[in-house]
Amino acid sequence: FRPTRVLVHGWWEDDTSDISVVTSEELLKYYDFNVIFVDWSEGSRTIN
């Protein structure tokens, strides 16, 4: 019954990035959301 926010990181990032940790913390501090973080670091953490 709550709104959903989906967060997605960029290249060379993972679940420790600001778009994951800090953004989730701030959203949940002010709003009662479901926050889904997309961790695709197995595909993003490559020099290519």
All heavy atoms as atom14 arrays in JSON, in Angstrom:
{
  "sequence": "FRPTRVLVHGWWEDDTSDISVVTSEELLKYYDFNVIFVDWSEGSRTIN",
  "atom14_mask": [
    [1, 1, 1, 1, 1, 1, 1, 1, 1, 1, 1, 0, 0, 0],
    [1, 1, 1, 1, 1, 1, 1, 1, 1, 1, 1, 0, 0, 0],
    [1, 1, 1, 1, 1, 1, 1, 0, 0, 0, 0, 0, 0, 0],
    [1, 1, 1, 1, 1, 1, 1, 0, 0, 0, 0, 0, 0, 0],
    [1, 1, 1, 1, 1, 1, 1, 1, 1, 1, 1, 0, 0, 0],
    [1, 1, 1, 1, 1, 1, 1, 0, 0, 0, 0, 0, 0, 0],
    [1, 1, 1, 1, 1, 1, 1, 1, 0, 0, 0, 0, 0, 0],
    [1, 1, 1, 1, 1, 1, 1, 0, 0, 0, 0, 0, 0, 0],
    [1, 1, 1, 1, 1, 1, 1, 1, 1, 1, 0, 0, 0, 0],
    [1, 1, 1, 1, 0, 0, 0, 0, 0, 0, 0, 0, 0, 0],
    [1, 1, 1, 1, 1, 1, 1, 1, 1, 1, 1, 1, 1, 1],
    [1, 1, 1, 1, 1, 1, 1, 1, 1, 1, 1, 1, 1, 1],
    [1, 1, 1, 1, 1, 1, 1, 1, 1, 0, 0, 0, 0, 0],
    [1, 1, 1, 1, 1, 1, 1, 1, 0, 0, 0, 0, 0, 0],
    [1, 1, 1, 1, 1, 1, 1, 1, 0, 0, 0, 0, 0, 0],
    [1, 1, 1, 1, 1, 1, 1, 0, 0, 0, 0, 0, 0, 0],
    [1, 1, 1, 1, 1, 1, 0, 0, 0, 0, 0, 0, 0, 0],
    [1, 1, 1, 1, 1, 1, 1, 1, 0, 0, 0, 0, 0, 0],
    [1, 1, 1, 1, 1, 1, 1, 1, 0, 0, 0, 0, 0, 0],
    [1, 1, 1, 1, 1, 1, 0, 0, 0, 0, 0, 0, 0, 0],
    [1, 1, 1, 1, 1, 1, 1, 0, 0, 0, 0, 0, 0, 0],
    [1, 1, 1, 1, 1, 1, 1, 0, 0, 0, 0, 0, 0, 0],
    [1, 1, 1, 1, 1, 1, 1, 0, 0, 0, 0, 0, 0, 0],
    [1, 1, 1, 1, 1, 1, 0, 0, 0, 0, 0, 0, 0, 0],
    [1, 1, 1, 1, 1, 1, 1, 1, 1, 0, 0, 0, 0, 0],
    [1, 1, 1, 1, 1, 1, 1, 1, 1, 0, 0, 0, 0, 0],
    [1, 1, 1, 1, 1, 1, 1, 1, 0, 0, 0, 0, 0, 0],
    [1, 1, 1, 1, 1, 1, 1, 1, 0, 0, 0, 0, 0, 0],
    [1, 1, 1, 1, 1, 1, 1, 1, 1, 0, 0, 0, 0, 0],
    [1, 1, 1, 1, 1, 1, 1, 1, 1, 1, 1, 1, 0, 0],
    [1, 1, 1, 1, 1, 1, 1, 1, 1, 1, 1, 1, 0, 0],
    [1, 1, 1, 1, 1, 1, 1, 1, 0, 0, 0, 0, 0, 0],
    [1, 1, 1, 1, 1, 1, 1, 1, 1, 1, 1, 0, 0, 0],
    [1, 1, 1, 1, 1, 1, 1, 1, 0, 0, 0, 0, 0, 0],
    [1, 1, 1, 1, 1, 1, 1, 0, 0, 0, 0, 0, 0, 0],
    [1, 1, 1, 1, 1, 1, 1, 1, 0, 0, 0, 0, 0, 0],
    [1, 1, 1, 1, 1, 1, 1, 1, 1, 1, 1, 0, 0, 0],
    [1, 1, 1, 1, 1, 1, 1, 0, 0, 0, 0, 0, 0, 0],
    [1, 1, 1, 1, 1, 1, 1, 1, 0, 0, 0, 0, 0, 0],
    [1, 1, 1, 1, 1, 1, 1, 1, 1, 1, 1, 1, 1, 1],
    [1, 1, 1, 1, 1, 1, 0, 0, 0, 0, 0, 0, 0, 0],
    [1, 1, 1, 1, 1, 1, 1, 1, 1, 0, 0, 0, 0, 0],
    [1, 1, 1, 1, 0, 0, 0, 0, 0, 0, 0, 0, 0, 0],
    [1, 1, 1, 1, 1, 1, 0, 0, 0, 0, 0, 0, 0, 0],
    [1, 1, 1, 1, 1, 1, 1, 1, 1, 1, 1, 0, 0, 0],
    [1, 1, 1, 1, 1, 1, 1, 0, 0, 0, 0, 0, 0, 0],
    [1, 1, 1, 1, 1, 1, 1, 1, 0, 0, 0, 0, 0, 0],
    [1, 1, 1, 1, 1, 1, 1, 1, 0, 0, 0, 0, 0, 0]
  ],
  "atom14_positions": [
    [[0.81, -1.21, 0.0], [0.0, 0.0, 0.0], [0.85, 1.27, 0.0], [0.32, 2.37, 0.06], [-0.93, 0.0, 1.22], [-1.91, -1.15, 1.22], [-1.66, -2.26, 2.02], [-3.03, -1.13, 0.43], [-2.55, -3.33, 2.02], [-3.93, -2.19, 0.42], [-3.68, -3.3, 1.22], [0.0, 0.0, 0.0], [0.0, 0.0, 0.0], [0.0, 0.0, 0.0]],
    [[2.18, 1.1, -0.07], [3.08, 2.25, -0.08], [3.68, 2.45, -1.47], [3.84, 1.49, -2.24], [4.21, 2.05, 0.93], [3.75, 1.88, 2.38], [2.97, 3.08, 2.85], [2.55, 2.94, 4.24], [1.61, 3.68, 4.83], [0.97, 4.6, 4.11], [1.3, 3.51, 6.09], [0.0, 0.0, 0.0], [0.0, 0.0, 0.0], [0.0, 0.0, 0.0]],
    [[4.05, 3.69, -1.8], [4.73, 3.94, -3.08], [6.06, 3.21, -3.15], [6.69, 2.91, -2.13], [4.94, 5.46, -3.08], [3.92, 5.99, -2.12], [3.8, 4.93, -1.06], [0.0, 0.0, 0.0], [0.0, 0.0, 0.0], [0.0, 0.0, 0.0], [0.0, 0.0, 0.0], [0.0, 0.0, 0.0], [0.0, 0.0, 0.0], [0.0, 0.0, 0.0]],
    [[6.51, 2.95, -4.37], [7.77, 2.24, -4.59], [8.76, 3.12, -5.34], [8.4, 3.77, -6.33], [7.53, 0.94, -5.4], [6.67, 0.08, -4.64], [8.84, 0.23, -5.68], [0.0, 0.0, 0.0], [0.0, 0.0, 0.0], [0.0, 0.0, 0.0], [0.0, 0.0, 0.0], [0.0, 0.0, 0.0], [0.0, 0.0, 0.0], [0.0, 0.0, 0.0]],
    [[10.0, 3.13, -4.86], [11.1, 3.82, -5.53], [12.14, 2.78, -5.92], [12.51, 1.93, -5.1], [11.73, 4.88, -4.61], [10.76, 5.99, -4.2], [10.35, 6.83, -5.38], [9.45, 7.92, -5.04], [8.13, 7.86, -5.11], [7.54, 6.72, -5.48], [7.38, 8.9, -4.81], [0.0, 0.0, 0.0], [0.0, 0.0, 0.0], [0.0, 0.0, 0.0]],
    [[12.61, 2.85, -7.14], [13.64, 1.94, -7.65], [14.88, 2.77, -7.95], [14.81, 3.74, -8.7], [13.17, 1.19, -8.91], [14.28, 0.28, -9.43], [11.9, 0.39, -8.62], [0.0, 0.0, 0.0], [0.0, 0.0, 0.0], [0.0, 0.0, 0.0], [0.0, 0.0, 0.0], [0.0, 0.0, 0.0], [0.0, 0.0, 0.0], [0.0, 0.0, 0.0]],
    [[16.02, 2.38, -7.37], [17.28, 3.1, -7.54], [18.26, 2.24, -8.32], [18.39, 1.04, -8.05], [17.88, 3.45, -6.17], [16.98, 4.21, -5.2], [17.69, 4.38, -3.85], [16.57, 5.56, -5.78], [0.0, 0.0, 0.0], [0.0, 0.0, 0.0], [0.0, 0.0, 0.0], [0.0, 0.0, 0.0], [0.0, 0.0, 0.0], [0.0, 0.0, 0.0]],
    [[18.98, 2.86, -9.28], [19.9, 2.1, -10.12], [21.24, 2.82, -10.2], [21.29, 4.01, -10.55], [19.35, 1.91, -11.55], [20.16, 0.83, -12.28], [17.87, 1.56, -11.55], [0.0, 0.0, 0.0], [0.0, 0.0, 0.0], [0.0, 0.0, 0.0], [0.0, 0.0, 0.0], [0.0, 0.0, 0.0], [0.0, 0.0, 0.0], [0.0, 0.0, 0.0]],
    [[22.32, 2.12, -9.89], [23.65, 2.72, -9.9], [24.25, 2.73, -11.3], [23.7, 2.17, -12.25], [24.58, 1.98, -8.93], [24.89, 0.56, -9.3], [25.82, 0.23, -10.26], [24.41, -0.62, -8.82], [25.92, -1.08, -10.35], [25.06, -1.64, -9.5], [0.0, 0.0, 0.0], [0.0, 0.0, 0.0], [0.0, 0.0, 0.0], [0.0, 0.0, 0.0]],
    [[25.41, 3.36, -11.41], [26.08, 3.49, -12.69], [27.27, 2.57, -12.83], [27.41, 1.58, -12.1], [0.0, 0.0, 0.0], [0.0, 0.0, 0.0], [0.0, 0.0, 0.0], [0.0, 0.0, 0.0], [0.0, 0.0, 0.0], [0.0, 0.0, 0.0], [0.0, 0.0, 0.0], [0.0, 0.0, 0.0], [0.0, 0.0, 0.0], [0.0, 0.0, 0.0]],
    [[28.13, 2.91, -13.78], [29.32, 2.1, -14.07], [30.28, 2.12, -12.9], [30.5, 3.15, -12.26], [29.98, 2.64, -15.33], [31.21, 1.9, -15.76], [31.34, 0.56, -15.89], [32.46, 2.46, -16.15], [32.59, 0.23, -16.32], [33.31, 1.38, -16.49], [32.94, 3.76, -16.24], [34.62, 1.58, -16.92], [34.24, 3.95, -16.67], [35.07, 2.86, -17.0]],
    [[30.85, 0.94, -12.64], [31.88, 0.75, -11.61], [31.36, 0.96, -10.2], [32.1, 1.1, -9.23], [33.1, 1.66, -11.86], [34.37, 1.09, -11.31], [35.01, 1.47, -10.17], [35.14, 0.02, -11.85], [36.14, 0.71, -9.97], [36.24, -0.19, -11.01], [34.99, -0.79, -13.0], [37.2, -1.17, -11.25], [35.94, -1.76, -13.25], [37.03, -1.93, -12.38]],
    [[30.04, 0.99, -10.02], [29.46, 1.16, -8.69], [28.81, -0.14, -8.23], [28.7, -1.11, -8.98], [28.43, 2.29, -8.72], [29.05, 3.66, -8.96], [28.03, 4.77, -8.83], [26.92, 4.63, -9.39], [28.34, 5.78, -8.18], [0.0, 0.0, 0.0], [0.0, 0.0, 0.0], [0.0, 0.0, 0.0], [0.0, 0.0, 0.0], [0.0, 0.0, 0.0]],
    [[28.36, -0.14, -6.97], [27.71, -1.32, -6.39], [26.76, -0.87, -5.29], [26.35, 0.29, -5.26], [28.75, -2.32, -5.87], [29.74, -1.69, -4.89], [29.36, -0.71, -4.21], [30.88, -2.17, -4.8], [0.0, 0.0, 0.0], [0.0, 0.0, 0.0], [0.0, 0.0, 0.0], [0.0, 0.0, 0.0], [0.0, 0.0, 0.0], [0.0, 0.0, 0.0]],
    [[26.42, -1.79, -4.38], [25.43, -1.47, -3.35], [25.97, -0.57, -2.24], [25.25, -0.27, -1.28], [24.84, -2.75, -2.75], [25.87, -3.63, -2.08], [27.08, -3.39, -2.27], [25.48, -4.55, -1.34], [0.0, 0.0, 0.0], [0.0, 0.0, 0.0], [0.0, 0.0, 0.0], [0.0, 0.0, 0.0], [0.0, 0.0, 0.0], [0.0, 0.0, 0.0]],
    [[27.22, -0.11, -2.36], [27.76, 0.85, -1.39], [27.74, 2.28, -1.94], [28.17, 3.21, -1.25], [29.2, 0.48, -1.0], [30.05, 0.6, -2.16], [29.28, -0.94, -0.47], [0.0, 0.0, 0.0], [0.0, 0.0, 0.0], [0.0, 0.0, 0.0], [0.0, 0.0, 0.0], [0.0, 0.0, 0.0], [0.0, 0.0, 0.0], [0.0, 0.0, 0.0]],
    [[27.28, 2.46, -3.15], [27.31, 3.78, -3.78], [26.28, 4.71, -3.14], [25.32, 4.27, -2.49], [27.03, 3.65, -5.28], [25.73, 3.13, -5.49], [0.0, 0.0, 0.0], [0.0, 0.0, 0.0], [0.0, 0.0, 0.0], [0.0, 0.0, 0.0], [0.0, 0.0, 0.0], [0.0, 0.0, 0.0], [0.0, 0.0, 0.0], [0.0, 0.0, 0.0]],
    [[26.47, 6.02, -3.35], [25.55, 7.0, -2.78], [24.13, 6.84, -3.3], [23.17, 7.05, -2.56], [26.04, 8.42, -3.08], [27.18, 8.85, -2.18], [27.5, 8.1, -1.24], [27.76, 9.93, -2.4], [0.0, 0.0, 0.0], [0.0, 0.0, 0.0], [0.0, 0.0, 0.0], [0.0, 0.0, 0.0], [0.0, 0.0, 0.0], [0.0, 0.0, 0.0]],
    [[23.99, 6.47, -4.56], [22.65, 6.3, -5.12], [21.93, 5.14, -4.43], [20.7, 5.08, -4.41], [22.7, 6.06, -6.66], [21.28, 6.11, -7.29], [23.37, 4.74, -6.99], [20.65, 7.45, -7.26], [0.0, 0.0, 0.0], [0.0, 0.0, 0.0], [0.0, 0.0, 0.0], [0.0, 0.0, 0.0], [0.0, 0.0, 0.0], [0.0, 0.0, 0.0]],
    [[22.69, 4.25, -3.79], [22.09, 3.15, -3.04], [21.9, 3.52, -1.58], [20.78, 3.64, -1.09], [22.99, 1.91, -3.13], [22.57, 0.93, -2.2], [0.0, 0.0, 0.0], [0.0, 0.0, 0.0], [0.0, 0.0, 0.0], [0.0, 0.0, 0.0], [0.0, 0.0, 0.0], [0.0, 0.0, 0.0], [0.0, 0.0, 0.0], [0.0, 0.0, 0.0]],
    [[23.0, 3.73, -0.88], [22.96, 3.88, 0.57], [22.36, 5.2, 1.02], [21.35, 5.25, 1.73], [24.37, 3.71, 1.17], [24.32, 3.88, 2.69], [24.95, 2.34, 0.81], [0.0, 0.0, 0.0], [0.0, 0.0, 0.0], [0.0, 0.0, 0.0], [0.0, 0.0, 0.0], [0.0, 0.0, 0.0], [0.0, 0.0, 0.0], [0.0, 0.0, 0.0]],
    [[22.97, 6.31, 0.6], [22.54, 7.62, 1.08], [21.15, 7.97, 0.57], [20.31, 8.48, 1.31], [23.56, 8.71, 0.69], [23.14, 10.06, 1.27], [24.95, 8.34, 1.17], [0.0, 0.0, 0.0], [0.0, 0.0, 0.0], [0.0, 0.0, 0.0], [0.0, 0.0, 0.0], [0.0, 0.0, 0.0], [0.0, 0.0, 0.0], [0.0, 0.0, 0.0]],
    [[20.89, 7.7, -0.71], [19.58, 8.01, -1.27], [18.48, 7.22, -0.57], [17.43, 7.77, -0.23], [19.55, 7.74, -2.78], [20.65, 8.39, -3.41], [18.25, 8.24, -3.4], [0.0, 0.0, 0.0], [0.0, 0.0, 0.0], [0.0, 0.0, 0.0], [0.0, 0.0, 0.0], [0.0, 0.0, 0.0], [0.0, 0.0, 0.0], [0.0, 0.0, 0.0]],
    [[18.72, 5.94, -0.33], [17.74, 5.11, 0.38], [17.48, 5.66, 1.78], [16.33, 5.78, 2.23], [18.23, 3.67, 0.49], [18.29, 3.06, -0.77], [0.0, 0.0, 0.0], [0.0, 0.0, 0.0], [0.0, 0.0, 0.0], [0.0, 0.0, 0.0], [0.0, 0.0, 0.0], [0.0, 0.0, 0.0], [0.0, 0.0, 0.0], [0.0, 0.0, 0.0]],
    [[18.56, 6.0, 2.48], [18.42, 6.51, 3.85], [17.59, 7.78, 3.89], [16.72, 7.94, 4.75], [19.81, 6.76, 4.44], [20.59, 5.5, 4.76], [22.01, 5.8, 5.23], [22.42, 6.98, 5.17], [22.7, 4.86, 5.68], [0.0, 0.0, 0.0], [0.0, 0.0, 0.0], [0.0, 0.0, 0.0], [0.0, 0.0, 0.0], [0.0, 0.0, 0.0]],
    [[17.88, 8.7, 2.96], [17.16, 9.96, 2.97], [15.7, 9.79, 2.56], [14.81, 10.42, 3.13], [17.86, 10.97, 2.05], [19.23, 11.39, 2.55], [19.2, 11.98, 3.96], [18.23, 12.71, 4.28], [20.12, 11.71, 4.74], [0.0, 0.0, 0.0], [0.0, 0.0, 0.0], [0.0, 0.0, 0.0], [0.0, 0.0, 0.0], [0.0, 0.0, 0.0]],
    [[15.44, 8.95, 1.57], [14.06, 8.72, 1.17], [13.25, 8.15, 2.33], [12.12, 8.59, 2.6], [14.01, 7.76, -0.03], [14.37, 8.34, -1.39], [14.49, 7.23, -2.42], [13.36, 9.37, -1.85], [0.0, 0.0, 0.0], [0.0, 0.0, 0.0], [0.0, 0.0, 0.0], [0.0, 0.0, 0.0], [0.0, 0.0, 0.0], [0.0, 0.0, 0.0]],
    [[13.82, 7.17, 3.03], [13.08, 6.51, 4.11], [13.01, 7.35, 5.37], [12.14, 7.13, 6.22], [13.71, 5.14, 4.39], [13.54, 4.13, 3.26], [14.33, 2.86, 3.54], [12.07, 3.79, 3.04], [0.0, 0.0, 0.0], [0.0, 0.0, 0.0], [0.0, 0.0, 0.0], [0.0, 0.0, 0.0], [0.0, 0.0, 0.0], [0.0, 0.0, 0.0]],
    [[13.9, 8.3, 5.5], [13.83, 9.22, 6.64], [12.61, 10.11, 6.54], [11.96, 10.45, 7.55], [15.1, 10.08, 6.7], [15.16, 11.02, 7.91], [16.37, 11.93, 7.83], [17.67, 11.17, 7.85], [18.84, 12.08, 7.85], [0.0, 0.0, 0.0], [0.0, 0.0, 0.0], [0.0, 0.0, 0.0], [0.0, 0.0, 0.0], [0.0, 0.0, 0.0]],
    [[12.25, 10.48, 5.33], [11.16, 11.42, 5.13], [9.88, 10.8, 4.6], [8.81, 11.4, 4.71], [11.62, 12.53, 4.17], [12.7, 13.4, 4.78], [14.04, 13.1, 4.6], [12.37, 14.51, 5.55], [15.04, 13.88, 5.18], [13.35, 15.3, 6.13], [14.69, 14.99, 5.95], [15.66, 15.76, 6.53], [0.0, 0.0, 0.0], [0.0, 0.0, 0.0]],
    [[9.98, 9.6, 4.01], [8.81, 8.98, 3.39], [8.74, 7.49, 3.72], [9.75, 6.81, 3.84], [8.86, 9.14, 1.86], [8.97, 10.57, 1.4], [10.21, 11.09, 1.02], [7.85, 11.4, 1.34], [10.33, 12.41, 0.59], [7.96, 12.71, 0.92], [9.2, 13.21, 0.55], [9.33, 14.51, 0.13], [0.0, 0.0, 0.0], [0.0, 0.0, 0.0]],
    [[7.51, 7.0, 3.82], [7.28, 5.57, 4.07], [7.14, 4.87, 2.72], [6.04, 4.63, 2.23], [6.03, 5.39, 4.92], [5.87, 3.97, 5.43], [6.76, 3.13, 5.13], [4.87, 3.68, 6.1], [0.0, 0.0, 0.0], [0.0, 0.0, 0.0], [0.0, 0.0, 0.0], [0.0, 0.0, 0.0], [0.0, 0.0, 0.0], [0.0, 0.0, 0.0]],
    [[8.3, 4.54, 2.12], [8.35, 3.95, 0.79], [8.84, 2.51, 0.85], [9.45, 2.07, 1.83], [9.32, 4.72, -0.1], [8.85, 6.08, -0.57], [9.78, 7.02, -1.0], [7.51, 6.42, -0.61], [9.37, 8.27, -1.44], [7.09, 7.67, -1.05], [8.03, 8.59, -1.46], [0.0, 0.0, 0.0], [0.0, 0.0, 0.0], [0.0, 0.0, 0.0]],
    [[8.61, 1.8, -0.25], [9.38, 0.6, -0.57], [10.51, 1.06, -1.5], [10.23, 1.61, -2.56], [8.52, -0.44, -1.3], [7.31, -0.85, -0.52], [7.4, -1.3, 0.61], [6.13, -0.69, -1.13], [0.0, 0.0, 0.0], [0.0, 0.0, 0.0], [0.0, 0.0, 0.0], [0.0, 0.0, 0.0], [0.0, 0.0, 0.0], [0.0, 0.0, 0.0]],
    [[11.75, 0.86, -1.1], [12.88, 1.28, -1.92], [13.61, 0.03, -2.4], [14.14, -0.75, -1.61], [13.85, 2.18, -1.15], [15.03, 2.57, -2.04], [13.13, 3.44, -0.65], [0.0, 0.0, 0.0], [0.0, 0.0, 0.0], [0.0, 0.0, 0.0], [0.0, 0.0, 0.0], [0.0, 0.0, 0.0], [0.0, 0.0, 0.0], [0.0, 0.0, 0.0]],
    [[13.6, -0.18, -3.7], [14.28, -1.34, -4.29], [15.55, -0.85, -4.98], [15.49, -0.03, -5.91], [13.38, -2.06, -5.31], [12.11, -2.57, -4.62], [14.14, -3.22, -5.97], [11.09, -3.17, -5.58], [0.0, 0.0, 0.0], [0.0, 0.0, 0.0], [0.0, 0.0, 0.0], [0.0, 0.0, 0.0], [0.0, 0.0, 0.0], [0.0, 0.0, 0.0]],
    [[16.7, -1.35, -4.52], [17.96, -0.98, -5.15], [18.37, -2.09, -6.1], [18.4, -3.27, -5.74], [19.05, -0.77, -4.11], [20.39, -0.45, -4.73], [20.59, 0.74, -5.39], [21.41, -1.38, -4.68], [21.81, 1.01, -6.0], [22.63, -1.11, -5.28], [22.83, 0.09, -5.94], [0.0, 0.0, 0.0], [0.0, 0.0, 0.0], [0.0, 0.0, 0.0]],
    [[18.72, -1.7, -7.33], [19.14, -2.65, -8.36], [20.67, -2.73, -8.33], [21.35, -1.8, -8.76], [18.66, -2.21, -9.75], [19.12, -3.23, -10.81], [17.14, -2.06, -9.77], [0.0, 0.0, 0.0], [0.0, 0.0, 0.0], [0.0, 0.0, 0.0], [0.0, 0.0, 0.0], [0.0, 0.0, 0.0], [0.0, 0.0, 0.0], [0.0, 0.0, 0.0]],
    [[21.18, -3.83, -7.82], [22.63, -4.05, -7.76], [23.04, -4.9, -8.96], [22.9, -6.11, -8.96], [23.0, -4.75, -6.45], [24.5, -5.02, -6.34], [25.26, -4.64, -7.26], [24.91, -5.63, -5.34], [0.0, 0.0, 0.0], [0.0, 0.0, 0.0], [0.0, 0.0, 0.0], [0.0, 0.0, 0.0], [0.0, 0.0, 0.0], [0.0, 0.0, 0.0]],
    [[23.57, -4.23, -9.99], [24.02, -4.95, -11.18], [25.55, -4.88, -11.26], [26.13, -4.88, -12.35], [23.36, -4.39, -12.44], [23.67, -2.98, -12.81], [23.27, -1.85, -12.18], [24.46, -2.55, -13.94], [23.75, -0.74, -12.82], [24.49, -1.13, -13.92], [25.13, -3.22, -14.97], [25.17, -0.38, -14.87], [25.8, -2.46, -15.93], [25.82, -1.06, -15.87]],
    [[26.21, -4.84, -10.12], [27.66, -4.67, -10.07], [28.41, -5.81, -10.76], [29.54, -5.61, -11.23], [28.14, -4.53, -8.62], [27.71, -5.62, -7.83], [0.0, 0.0, 0.0], [0.0, 0.0, 0.0], [0.0, 0.0, 0.0], [0.0, 0.0, 0.0], [0.0, 0.0, 0.0], [0.0, 0.0, 0.0], [0.0, 0.0, 0.0], [0.0, 0.0, 0.0]],
    [[27.81, -6.98, -10.86], [28.46, -8.08, -11.59], [28.63, -7.72, -13.07], [29.52, -8.25, -13.74], [27.64, -9.37, -11.47], [27.68, -10.01, -10.1], [29.05, -10.55, -9.75], [29.74, -11.06, -10.66], [29.46, -10.42, -8.57], [0.0, 0.0, 0.0], [0.0, 0.0, 0.0], [0.0, 0.0, 0.0], [0.0, 0.0, 0.0], [0.0, 0.0, 0.0]],
    [[27.8, -6.81, -13.54], [27.92, -6.37, -14.93], [28.56, -5.01, -15.08], [29.08, -4.68, -16.15], [0.0, 0.0, 0.0], [0.0, 0.0, 0.0], [0.0, 0.0, 0.0], [0.0, 0.0, 0.0], [0.0, 0.0, 0.0], [0.0, 0.0, 0.0], [0.0, 0.0, 0.0], [0.0, 0.0, 0.0], [0.0, 0.0, 0.0], [0.0, 0.0, 0.0]],
    [[28.55, -4.21, -14.03], [29.06, -2.83, -14.13], [30.53, -2.7, -13.73], [31.22, -1.81, -14.21], [28.23, -1.89, -13.24], [28.5, -2.12, -11.87], [0.0, 0.0, 0.0], [0.0, 0.0, 0.0], [0.0, 0.0, 0.0], [0.0, 0.0, 0.0], [0.0, 0.0, 0.0], [0.0, 0.0, 0.0], [0.0, 0.0, 0.0], [0.0, 0.0, 0.0]],
    [[31.0, -3.57, -12.85], [32.37, -3.43, -12.35], [33.35, -4.13, -13.29], [33.86, -5.22, -13.01], [32.5, -3.96, -10.92], [31.74, -3.1, -9.91], [31.98, -3.53, -8.49], [33.38, -3.37, -8.1], [33.92, -2.22, -7.69], [33.17, -1.12, -7.62], [35.19, -2.15, -7.34], [0.0, 0.0, 0.0], [0.0, 0.0, 0.0], [0.0, 0.0, 0.0]],
    [[33.55, -3.5, -14.43], [34.46, -3.99, -15.45], [35.18, -2.79, -16.05], [34.6, -1.71, -16.18], [33.71, -4.75, -16.56], [34.6, -4.96, -17.67], [32.49, -3.98, -17.04], [0.0, 0.0, 0.0], [0.0, 0.0, 0.0], [0.0, 0.0, 0.0], [0.0, 0.0, 0.0], [0.0, 0.0, 0.0], [0.0, 0.0, 0.0], [0.0, 0.0, 0.0]],
    [[36.45, -2.97, -16.4], [37.19, -1.86, -17.02], [36.7, -1.6, -18.44], [37.01, -0.56, -19.01], [38.71, -2.14, -17.03], [39.02, -3.41, -17.84], [39.24, -2.22, -15.62], [40.51, -3.64, -18.03], [0.0, 0.0, 0.0], [0.0, 0.0, 0.0], [0.0, 0.0, 0.0], [0.0, 0.0, 0.0], [0.0, 0.0, 0.0], [0.0, 0.0, 0.0]],
    [[35.93, -2.54, -18.99], [35.41, -2.39, -20.35], [34.07, -1.66, -20.29], [33.01, -2.27, -20.13], [35.26, -3.76, -21.0], [34.7, -3.67, -22.41], [34.63, -2.6, -22.99], [34.29, -4.8, -22.95], [0.0, 0.0, 0.0], [0.0, 0.0, 0.0], [0.0, 0.0, 0.0], [0.0, 0.0, 0.0], [0.0, 0.0, 0.0], [0.0, 0.0, 0.0]]
  ]
}
